[in-house]
Amino acid sequence: MKETVQIFKALSEEIRLRILALLFHGELCVCDLMEVLEMPQSTISRHLAYLRNAGLVSGERRGKWMYYRLASETGRTARVQLELLAENLPQLSVINQDRRRLVTYLAGKDEASCTDK
């Protein structure tokens, strides 16, 4: 029960849902999320830590930046919730706006940009 409560708490914030929706498109650096969501590193990192503690995302440090992706190994509850989100979040306008910003940002991103910041 504790795991289920933690997952639902993690999904109770709009910013965390927006982060998950962006991660459905693949692995992203914290700096990518900062640019797309127009939020400071501390805010993004705090929400990612919440998602990581709930077992929804995993991260890997590369240099000074962390890269995040959806967790590949999750419990049944997390997996079901991620599937529901993948199906339903794209119907929301803010999610589509974020996706468009992500595509535009990544198209113009310099390969070394995360290491330069």
N, C-alpha and C. Protein backbone atom coordinates (compact mmCIF):
# COMPACT_ATOMS: atom_id res chain seq x y z
N MET A 1 0.83 -1.20 0.00
CA MET A 1 0.00 0.00 0.00
C MET A 1 0.87 1.26 0.00
N LYS A 2 1.97 1.22 0.73
CA LYS A 2 2.85 2.40 0.83
C LYS A 2 3.37 2.81 -0.55
N GLU A 3 3.75 1.82 -1.38
CA GLU A 3 4.25 2.12 -2.73
C GLU A 3 3.15 2.79 -3.57
N THR A 4 1.94 2.30 -3.47
CA THR A 4 0.82 2.87 -4.23
C THR A 4 0.56 4.31 -3.82
N VAL A 5 0.57 4.58 -2.53
CA VAL A 5 0.37 5.95 -2.03
C VAL A 5 1.47 6.86 -2.55
N GLN A 6 2.71 6.39 -2.51
CA GLN A 6 3.84 7.19 -2.98
C GLN A 6 3.71 7.51 -4.47
N ILE A 7 3.27 6.57 -5.25
CA ILE A 7 3.09 6.80 -6.69
C ILE A 7 2.01 7.85 -6.93
N PHE A 8 0.88 7.72 -6.25
CA PHE A 8 -0.20 8.68 -6.46
C PHE A 8 0.18 10.07 -5.97
N LYS A 9 0.94 10.15 -4.89
CA LYS A 9 1.43 11.46 -4.44
C LYS A 9 2.35 12.06 -5.50
N ALA A 10 3.20 11.23 -6.09
CA ALA A 10 4.12 11.73 -7.12
C ALA A 10 3.37 12.24 -8.34
N LEU A 11 2.22 11.67 -8.61
CA LEU A 11 1.43 12.06 -9.78
C LEU A 11 0.46 13.20 -9.48
N SER A 12 0.50 13.73 -8.27
CA SER A 12 -0.49 14.74 -7.87
C SER A 12 -0.09 16.18 -8.20
N GLU A 13 1.08 16.38 -8.80
CA GLU A 13 1.55 17.72 -9.15
C GLU A 13 1.62 17.87 -10.66
N GLU A 14 1.09 18.99 -11.16
CA GLU A 14 1.08 19.22 -12.61
C GLU A 14 2.47 19.18 -13.20
N ILE A 15 3.44 19.79 -12.55
CA ILE A 15 4.79 19.84 -13.12
C ILE A 15 5.37 18.44 -13.28
N ARG A 16 5.07 17.55 -12.34
CA ARG A 16 5.59 16.18 -12.45
C ARG A 16 4.92 15.43 -13.60
N LEU A 17 3.67 15.70 -13.84
CA LEU A 17 2.99 15.09 -15.00
C LEU A 17 3.59 15.62 -16.30
N ARG A 18 3.90 16.91 -16.31
CA ARG A 18 4.52 17.50 -17.51
C ARG A 18 5.90 16.90 -17.76
N ILE A 19 6.67 16.69 -16.69
CA ILE A 19 7.99 16.07 -16.82
C ILE A 19 7.85 14.66 -17.37
N LEU A 20 6.94 13.88 -16.81
CA LEU A 20 6.73 12.52 -17.30
C LEU A 20 6.34 12.52 -18.77
N ALA A 21 5.45 13.42 -19.15
CA ALA A 21 5.03 13.48 -20.55
C ALA A 21 6.22 13.76 -21.46
N LEU A 22 7.13 14.62 -21.04
CA LEU A 22 8.33 14.89 -21.84
C LEU A 22 9.23 13.66 -21.89
N LEU A 23 9.33 12.94 -20.80
CA LEU A 23 10.18 11.75 -20.77
C LEU A 23 9.61 10.59 -21.58
N PHE A 24 8.32 10.65 -21.92
CA PHE A 24 7.77 9.63 -22.82
C PHE A 24 8.46 9.70 -24.17
N HIS A 25 9.08 10.84 -24.49
CA HIS A 25 9.77 11.03 -25.77
C HIS A 25 11.21 10.56 -25.71
N GLY A 26 11.68 10.14 -24.53
CA GLY A 26 13.04 9.62 -24.40
C GLY A 26 13.81 10.32 -23.31
N GLU A 27 15.03 9.90 -23.14
CA GLU A 27 15.91 10.43 -22.09
C GLU A 27 16.18 11.91 -22.32
N LEU A 28 16.17 12.68 -21.21
CA LEU A 28 16.45 14.10 -21.28
C LEU A 28 17.36 14.52 -20.14
N CYS A 29 18.16 15.51 -20.41
CA CYS A 29 19.02 16.12 -19.40
C CYS A 29 18.17 17.11 -18.58
N VAL A 30 18.57 17.33 -17.35
CA VAL A 30 17.89 18.34 -16.53
C VAL A 30 17.89 19.67 -17.26
N CYS A 31 18.99 20.00 -17.95
CA CYS A 31 19.05 21.28 -18.66
C CYS A 31 18.00 21.36 -19.77
N ASP A 32 17.69 20.22 -20.41
CA ASP A 32 16.63 20.19 -21.43
C ASP A 32 15.28 20.51 -20.80
N LEU A 33 15.00 19.89 -19.67
CA LEU A 33 13.74 20.13 -18.96
C LEU A 33 13.64 21.57 -18.49
N MET A 34 14.75 22.13 -18.04
CA MET A 34 14.76 23.54 -17.60
C MET A 34 14.35 24.45 -18.75
N GLU A 35 14.92 24.22 -19.92
CA GLU A 35 14.63 25.06 -21.09
C GLU A 35 13.18 24.94 -21.53
N VAL A 36 12.70 23.71 -21.65
CA VAL A 36 11.35 23.49 -22.16
C VAL A 36 10.29 23.99 -21.18
N LEU A 37 10.50 23.71 -19.89
CA LEU A 37 9.49 24.07 -18.88
C LEU A 37 9.70 25.47 -18.32
N GLU A 38 10.83 26.10 -18.69
CA GLU A 38 11.15 27.46 -18.23
C GLU A 38 11.10 27.57 -16.71
N MET A 39 11.82 26.64 -16.07
CA MET A 39 11.89 26.60 -14.61
C MET A 39 13.34 26.42 -14.20
N PRO A 40 13.68 26.86 -12.99
CA PRO A 40 15.06 26.73 -12.54
C PRO A 40 15.44 25.28 -12.23
N GLN A 41 16.73 25.05 -12.25
CA GLN A 41 17.27 23.72 -12.01
C GLN A 41 16.79 23.14 -10.68
N SER A 42 16.75 23.96 -9.65
CA SER A 42 16.36 23.47 -8.33
C SER A 42 14.93 22.93 -8.33
N THR A 43 14.03 23.60 -9.02
CA THR A 43 12.64 23.16 -9.10
C THR A 43 12.53 21.84 -9.87
N ILE A 44 13.17 21.78 -11.03
CA ILE A 44 13.13 20.57 -11.86
C ILE A 44 13.73 19.40 -11.08
N SER A 45 14.88 19.61 -10.46
CA SER A 45 15.55 18.53 -9.73
C SER A 45 14.73 18.03 -8.56
N ARG A 46 14.06 18.94 -7.87
CA ARG A 46 13.23 18.54 -6.73
C ARG A 46 12.09 17.62 -7.19
N HIS A 47 11.45 17.99 -8.29
CA HIS A 47 10.34 17.17 -8.80
C HIS A 47 10.84 15.84 -9.37
N LEU A 48 12.00 15.87 -10.02
CA LEU A 48 12.57 14.62 -10.52
C LEU A 48 12.92 13.68 -9.37
N ALA A 49 13.42 14.23 -8.27
CA ALA A 49 13.74 13.40 -7.11
C ALA A 49 12.47 12.73 -6.57
N TYR A 50 11.39 13.45 -6.56
CA TYR A 50 10.11 12.89 -6.11
C TYR A 50 9.69 11.73 -7.02
N LEU A 51 9.81 11.94 -8.33
CA LEU A 51 9.45 10.90 -9.29
C LEU A 51 10.39 9.70 -9.18
N ARG A 52 11.67 9.98 -8.95
CA ARG A 52 12.65 8.89 -8.80
C ARG A 52 12.35 8.08 -7.53
N ASN A 53 12.05 8.76 -6.44
CA ASN A 53 11.74 8.07 -5.18
C ASN A 53 10.48 7.22 -5.29
N ALA A 54 9.58 7.60 -6.17
CA ALA A 54 8.36 6.82 -6.39
C ALA A 54 8.59 5.68 -7.38
N GLY A 55 9.80 5.61 -7.94
CA GLY A 55 10.13 4.53 -8.87
C GLY A 55 9.62 4.75 -10.28
N LEU A 56 9.28 5.99 -10.63
CA LEU A 56 8.73 6.28 -11.96
C LEU A 56 9.81 6.66 -12.97
N VAL A 57 10.91 7.22 -12.50
CA VAL A 57 12.01 7.60 -13.38
C VAL A 57 13.33 7.11 -12.79
N SER A 58 14.32 7.02 -13.65
CA SER A 58 15.68 6.71 -13.18
C SER A 58 16.61 7.75 -13.77
N GLY A 59 17.73 7.96 -13.11
CA GLY A 59 18.66 8.98 -13.54
C GLY A 59 20.08 8.48 -13.57
N GLU A 60 20.89 9.18 -14.35
CA GLU A 60 22.30 8.85 -14.49
C GLU A 60 23.09 10.15 -14.60
N ARG A 61 24.13 10.27 -13.79
CA ARG A 61 24.98 11.46 -13.83
C ARG A 61 26.00 11.31 -14.96
N ARG A 62 26.11 12.37 -15.75
CA ARG A 62 27.12 12.47 -16.79
C ARG A 62 27.76 13.84 -16.65
N GLY A 63 28.94 13.86 -16.11
CA GLY A 63 29.58 15.14 -15.83
C GLY A 63 28.83 15.83 -14.72
N LYS A 64 28.49 17.09 -14.95
CA LYS A 64 27.77 17.82 -13.90
C LYS A 64 26.26 17.73 -14.04
N TRP A 65 25.77 17.10 -15.10
CA TRP A 65 24.33 17.04 -15.34
C TRP A 65 23.78 15.64 -15.12
N MET A 66 22.52 15.61 -14.74
CA MET A 66 21.79 14.34 -14.59
C MET A 66 20.89 14.16 -15.81
N TYR A 67 20.83 12.94 -16.28
CA TYR A 67 19.96 12.57 -17.39
C TYR A 67 18.90 11.61 -16.85
N TYR A 68 17.66 11.85 -17.23
CA TYR A 68 16.55 11.06 -16.71
C TYR A 68 15.79 10.38 -17.83
N ARG A 69 15.21 9.25 -17.47
CA ARG A 69 14.36 8.49 -18.38
C ARG A 69 13.27 7.82 -17.54
N LEU A 70 12.24 7.36 -18.19
CA LEU A 70 11.23 6.58 -17.47
C LEU A 70 11.90 5.32 -16.94
N ALA A 71 11.53 4.93 -15.75
CA ALA A 71 12.12 3.73 -15.14
C ALA A 71 11.78 2.51 -15.99
N SER A 72 12.79 1.71 -16.27
CA SER A 72 12.56 0.51 -17.08
C SER A 72 11.97 -0.63 -16.26
N GLU A 73 12.28 -0.65 -14.99
CA GLU A 73 11.74 -1.68 -14.13
C GLU A 73 10.89 -1.02 -13.05
N THR A 74 9.59 -1.21 -13.17
CA THR A 74 8.67 -0.63 -12.20
C THR A 74 7.75 -1.72 -11.68
N GLY A 75 7.12 -1.41 -10.59
CA GLY A 75 6.10 -2.31 -10.07
C GLY A 75 4.85 -2.23 -10.93
N ARG A 76 3.92 -3.12 -10.70
CA ARG A 76 2.69 -3.17 -11.50
C ARG A 76 1.91 -1.87 -11.43
N THR A 77 1.78 -1.30 -10.23
CA THR A 77 1.00 -0.06 -10.08
C THR A 77 1.64 1.07 -10.88
N ALA A 78 2.94 1.22 -10.79
CA ALA A 78 3.63 2.28 -11.54
C ALA A 78 3.48 2.06 -13.03
N ARG A 79 3.64 0.84 -13.48
CA ARG A 79 3.55 0.52 -14.91
C ARG A 79 2.16 0.86 -15.45
N VAL A 80 1.13 0.48 -14.71
CA VAL A 80 -0.25 0.76 -15.14
C VAL A 80 -0.49 2.26 -15.20
N GLN A 81 -0.02 2.98 -14.20
CA GLN A 81 -0.23 4.44 -14.19
C GLN A 81 0.52 5.11 -15.34
N LEU A 82 1.75 4.68 -15.62
CA LEU A 82 2.50 5.25 -16.74
C LEU A 82 1.81 4.97 -18.07
N GLU A 83 1.24 3.77 -18.22
CA GLU A 83 0.50 3.45 -19.44
C GLU A 83 -0.72 4.35 -19.60
N LEU A 84 -1.46 4.57 -18.51
CA LEU A 84 -2.62 5.46 -18.55
C LEU A 84 -2.22 6.88 -18.89
N LEU A 85 -1.12 7.34 -18.30
CA LEU A 85 -0.64 8.70 -18.59
C LEU A 85 -0.21 8.83 -20.04
N ALA A 86 0.50 7.84 -20.55
CA ALA A 86 0.95 7.89 -21.94
C ALA A 86 -0.22 7.99 -22.90
N GLU A 87 -1.31 7.36 -22.54
CA GLU A 87 -2.51 7.37 -23.38
C GLU A 87 -3.30 8.67 -23.26
N ASN A 88 -3.34 9.24 -22.05
CA ASN A 88 -4.25 10.36 -21.81
C ASN A 88 -3.60 11.74 -21.77
N LEU A 89 -2.36 11.85 -21.36
CA LEU A 89 -1.73 13.18 -21.28
C LEU A 89 -1.67 13.91 -22.62
N PRO A 90 -1.41 13.22 -23.73
CA PRO A 90 -1.34 13.94 -25.01
C PRO A 90 -2.64 14.65 -25.42
N GLN A 91 -3.71 14.39 -24.72
CA GLN A 91 -4.98 15.06 -25.01
C GLN A 91 -5.06 16.45 -24.38
N LEU A 92 -4.08 16.79 -23.53
CA LEU A 92 -4.08 18.08 -22.83
C LEU A 92 -3.26 19.10 -23.59
N SER A 93 -3.77 20.31 -23.70
CA SER A 93 -3.10 21.34 -24.49
C SER A 93 -1.72 21.70 -23.93
N VAL A 94 -1.57 21.78 -22.62
CA VAL A 94 -0.27 22.14 -22.06
C VAL A 94 0.78 21.08 -22.39
N ILE A 95 0.39 19.83 -22.45
CA ILE A 95 1.31 18.74 -22.80
C ILE A 95 1.73 18.87 -24.25
N ASN A 96 0.80 19.21 -25.12
CA ASN A 96 1.13 19.40 -26.53
C ASN A 96 2.02 20.61 -26.74
N GLN A 97 1.80 21.67 -25.97
CA GLN A 97 2.68 22.84 -26.05
C GLN A 97 4.09 22.48 -25.60
N ASP A 98 4.20 21.74 -24.50
CA ASP A 98 5.51 21.30 -24.02
C ASP A 98 6.21 20.45 -25.08
N ARG A 99 5.47 19.54 -25.69
CA ARG A 99 6.05 18.66 -26.71
C ARG A 99 6.58 19.47 -27.88
N ARG A 100 5.82 20.47 -28.33
CA ARG A 100 6.27 21.31 -29.44
C ARG A 100 7.52 22.09 -29.05
N ARG A 101 7.55 22.61 -27.82
CA ARG A 101 8.75 23.33 -27.35
C ARG A 101 9.95 22.39 -27.30
N LEU A 102 9.71 21.16 -26.85
CA LEU A 102 10.80 20.18 -26.78
C LEU A 102 11.36 19.89 -28.17
N VAL A 103 10.49 19.64 -29.12
CA VAL A 103 10.94 19.33 -30.49
C VAL A 103 11.74 20.49 -31.06
N THR A 104 11.24 21.70 -30.89
CA THR A 104 11.94 22.89 -31.39
C THR A 104 13.28 23.06 -30.70
N TYR A 105 13.28 22.91 -29.39
CA TYR A 105 14.51 23.06 -28.61
C TYR A 105 15.55 22.03 -29.03
N LEU A 106 15.16 20.76 -29.12
CA LEU A 106 16.11 19.71 -29.46
C LEU A 106 16.65 19.86 -30.88
N ALA A 107 15.82 20.38 -31.79
CA ALA A 107 16.26 20.58 -33.16
C ALA A 107 17.40 21.61 -33.25
N GLY A 108 17.39 22.58 -32.35
CA GLY A 108 18.41 23.62 -32.37
C GLY A 108 19.50 23.45 -31.33
N LYS A 109 19.44 22.36 -30.57
CA LYS A 109 20.38 22.16 -29.47
C LYS A 109 21.73 21.71 -29.98
N ASP A 110 22.76 22.36 -29.46
CA ASP A 110 24.13 21.97 -29.76
C ASP A 110 24.44 20.72 -28.95
N GLU A 111 25.11 19.74 -29.54
CA GLU A 111 25.41 18.48 -28.87
C GLU A 111 26.13 18.68 -27.53
N ALA A 112 26.97 19.71 -27.44
CA ALA A 112 27.75 19.93 -26.22
C ALA A 112 27.10 20.91 -25.27
N SER A 113 25.86 21.30 -25.53
CA SER A 113 25.25 22.38 -24.74
C SER A 113 25.10 22.04 -23.25
N CYS A 114 24.83 20.81 -22.92
CA CYS A 114 24.68 20.46 -21.51
C CYS A 114 26.00 20.57 -20.77
N THR A 115 27.08 20.28 -21.43
CA THR A 115 28.38 20.35 -20.77
C THR A 115 28.87 21.78 -20.66
N ASP A 116 28.32 22.68 -21.47
CA ASP A 116 28.74 24.09 -21.45
C ASP A 116 28.09 24.90 -20.35
N LYS A 117 26.98 24.43 -19.80
CA LYS A 117 26.22 25.24 -18.84
C LYS A 117 26.77 25.12 -17.46
